[in-house]
Protein backbone atom coordinates (compact mmCIF):
# COMPACT_ATOMS: atom_id res chain seq x y z
CA MET A 1 46.34 4.36 -6.74
CA THR A 2 46.98 7.53 -8.72
CA LEU A 3 47.44 10.94 -7.19
CA ASN A 4 45.65 13.76 -9.00
CA ASN A 5 48.27 16.45 -8.90
CA ALA A 6 51.78 17.49 -7.97
CA ASP A 7 50.66 18.99 -4.65
CA GLU A 8 49.22 15.66 -3.49
CA ARG A 9 52.35 13.80 -4.53
CA GLU A 10 54.76 16.31 -2.96
CA LEU A 11 52.85 16.55 0.31
CA LEU A 12 52.63 12.76 0.58
CA ARG A 13 56.34 12.43 -0.22
CA ARG A 14 57.32 14.86 2.51
CA ILE A 15 55.06 13.21 5.09
CA SER A 16 56.49 9.81 4.16
CA GLU A 17 60.08 11.04 4.68
CA ALA A 18 59.40 12.29 8.21
CA ASP A 19 60.87 10.32 11.10
CA SER A 20 57.82 10.92 13.28
CA PRO A 21 54.20 12.09 12.92
CA VAL A 22 53.93 15.56 11.37
CA VAL A 23 51.43 18.37 10.95
CA ALA A 24 50.89 18.39 7.18
CA SER A 25 50.36 22.14 6.99
CA ASP A 26 53.88 22.68 8.33
CA TYR A 27 55.07 21.84 4.80
CA PHE A 28 52.76 24.22 2.93
CA HIS A 29 55.05 27.27 2.93
CA SER A 30 58.06 25.24 1.84
CA ILE A 31 56.13 23.60 -1.01
CA HIS A 32 54.79 26.96 -2.22
CA PRO A 33 56.80 29.76 -0.59
CA PRO A 34 55.43 33.30 -0.78
CA ASN A 35 56.76 35.11 -3.84
CA PHE A 36 55.79 38.62 -2.84
CA PRO A 37 57.03 41.17 -0.30
CA THR A 38 55.32 41.18 3.09
CA SER A 39 54.24 44.73 2.33
CA ALA A 40 52.22 43.59 -0.71
CA ALA A 41 48.58 44.64 -0.60
CA GLU A 42 45.92 42.01 0.06
CA ASP A 43 44.67 42.39 -3.51
CA ASP A 44 48.16 41.98 -5.03
CA PRO A 45 47.80 39.28 -7.72
CA ARG A 46 50.89 37.47 -6.43
CA ARG A 47 49.47 37.31 -2.91
CA GLN A 48 46.10 36.13 -4.21
CA ALA A 49 47.75 33.43 -6.35
CA TRP A 50 49.76 32.26 -3.33
CA HIS A 51 46.60 32.08 -1.20
CA GLU A 52 45.04 29.90 -3.88
CA GLN A 53 48.10 27.63 -3.83
CA GLN A 54 47.80 27.30 -0.05
CA MET A 55 44.13 26.38 -0.37
CA GLY A 56 45.11 23.82 -3.01
CA LEU A 57 47.47 22.23 -0.49
CA TYR A 58 44.65 22.00 2.06
CA ARG A 59 42.50 20.31 -0.60
CA ALA A 60 45.38 17.94 -1.36
CA TYR A 61 45.73 17.07 2.33
CA ILE A 62 42.01 16.37 2.64
CA ARG A 63 42.11 14.15 -0.44
CA LEU A 64 45.10 12.20 0.94
CA HIS A 65 43.13 11.61 4.11
CA GLU A 66 39.95 10.61 2.24
CA LEU A 67 41.94 8.13 0.12
CA GLY A 68 43.43 6.56 3.24
CA LEU A 69 46.98 7.59 2.32
CA VAL A 70 47.58 9.41 5.60
CA GLU A 71 46.12 8.75 9.02
CA VAL A 72 45.85 10.88 12.13
CA VAL A 73 47.85 9.39 15.00
CA ASP A 74 47.78 12.43 17.30
CA PRO A 75 44.67 14.64 17.03
CA ALA A 76 44.88 18.44 17.01
CA ASN A 77 45.00 20.01 20.46
CA GLY A 78 44.21 23.68 19.83
CA GLU A 79 47.87 24.64 19.56
CA ARG A 80 48.76 22.55 16.52
CA GLY A 81 47.00 20.55 13.85
CA ASP A 82 46.56 16.80 13.58
CA ARG A 83 49.80 14.85 13.43
CA VAL A 84 49.73 12.31 10.64
CA VAL A 85 51.73 9.44 9.20
CA VAL A 86 51.51 7.68 5.87
CA THR A 87 49.69 4.36 5.56
CA GLU A 88 50.80 1.20 3.81
CA THR A 89 48.51 2.16 0.91
CA SER A 90 50.50 5.33 0.36
CA ARG A 91 53.67 3.40 -0.45
CA ALA A 92 52.02 2.14 -3.66
CA ALA A 93 50.80 5.64 -4.55
CA LEU A 94 54.34 7.01 -4.31
CA GLY A 95 55.89 4.10 -6.21
């Protein structure tokens, strides 16, 4: 199993290192932290690039789920997202 990009690999690595089920999106800001001041305009190129990175992480998460590399063990409840864990298949993808 080959992961398509660095975001998929990094997100899977972080989920695999967790001691308990996690909400994958909790890692998004630490994988790609904002690199612009909070006062930056919505059309600031740095803000727009960061938004695209965040969307890329959502796409990476969806792909990990579709490939069976993560599984939901505690569904979203309206206050937080799905909590997930890695599957046995993911160990080979990280290797």
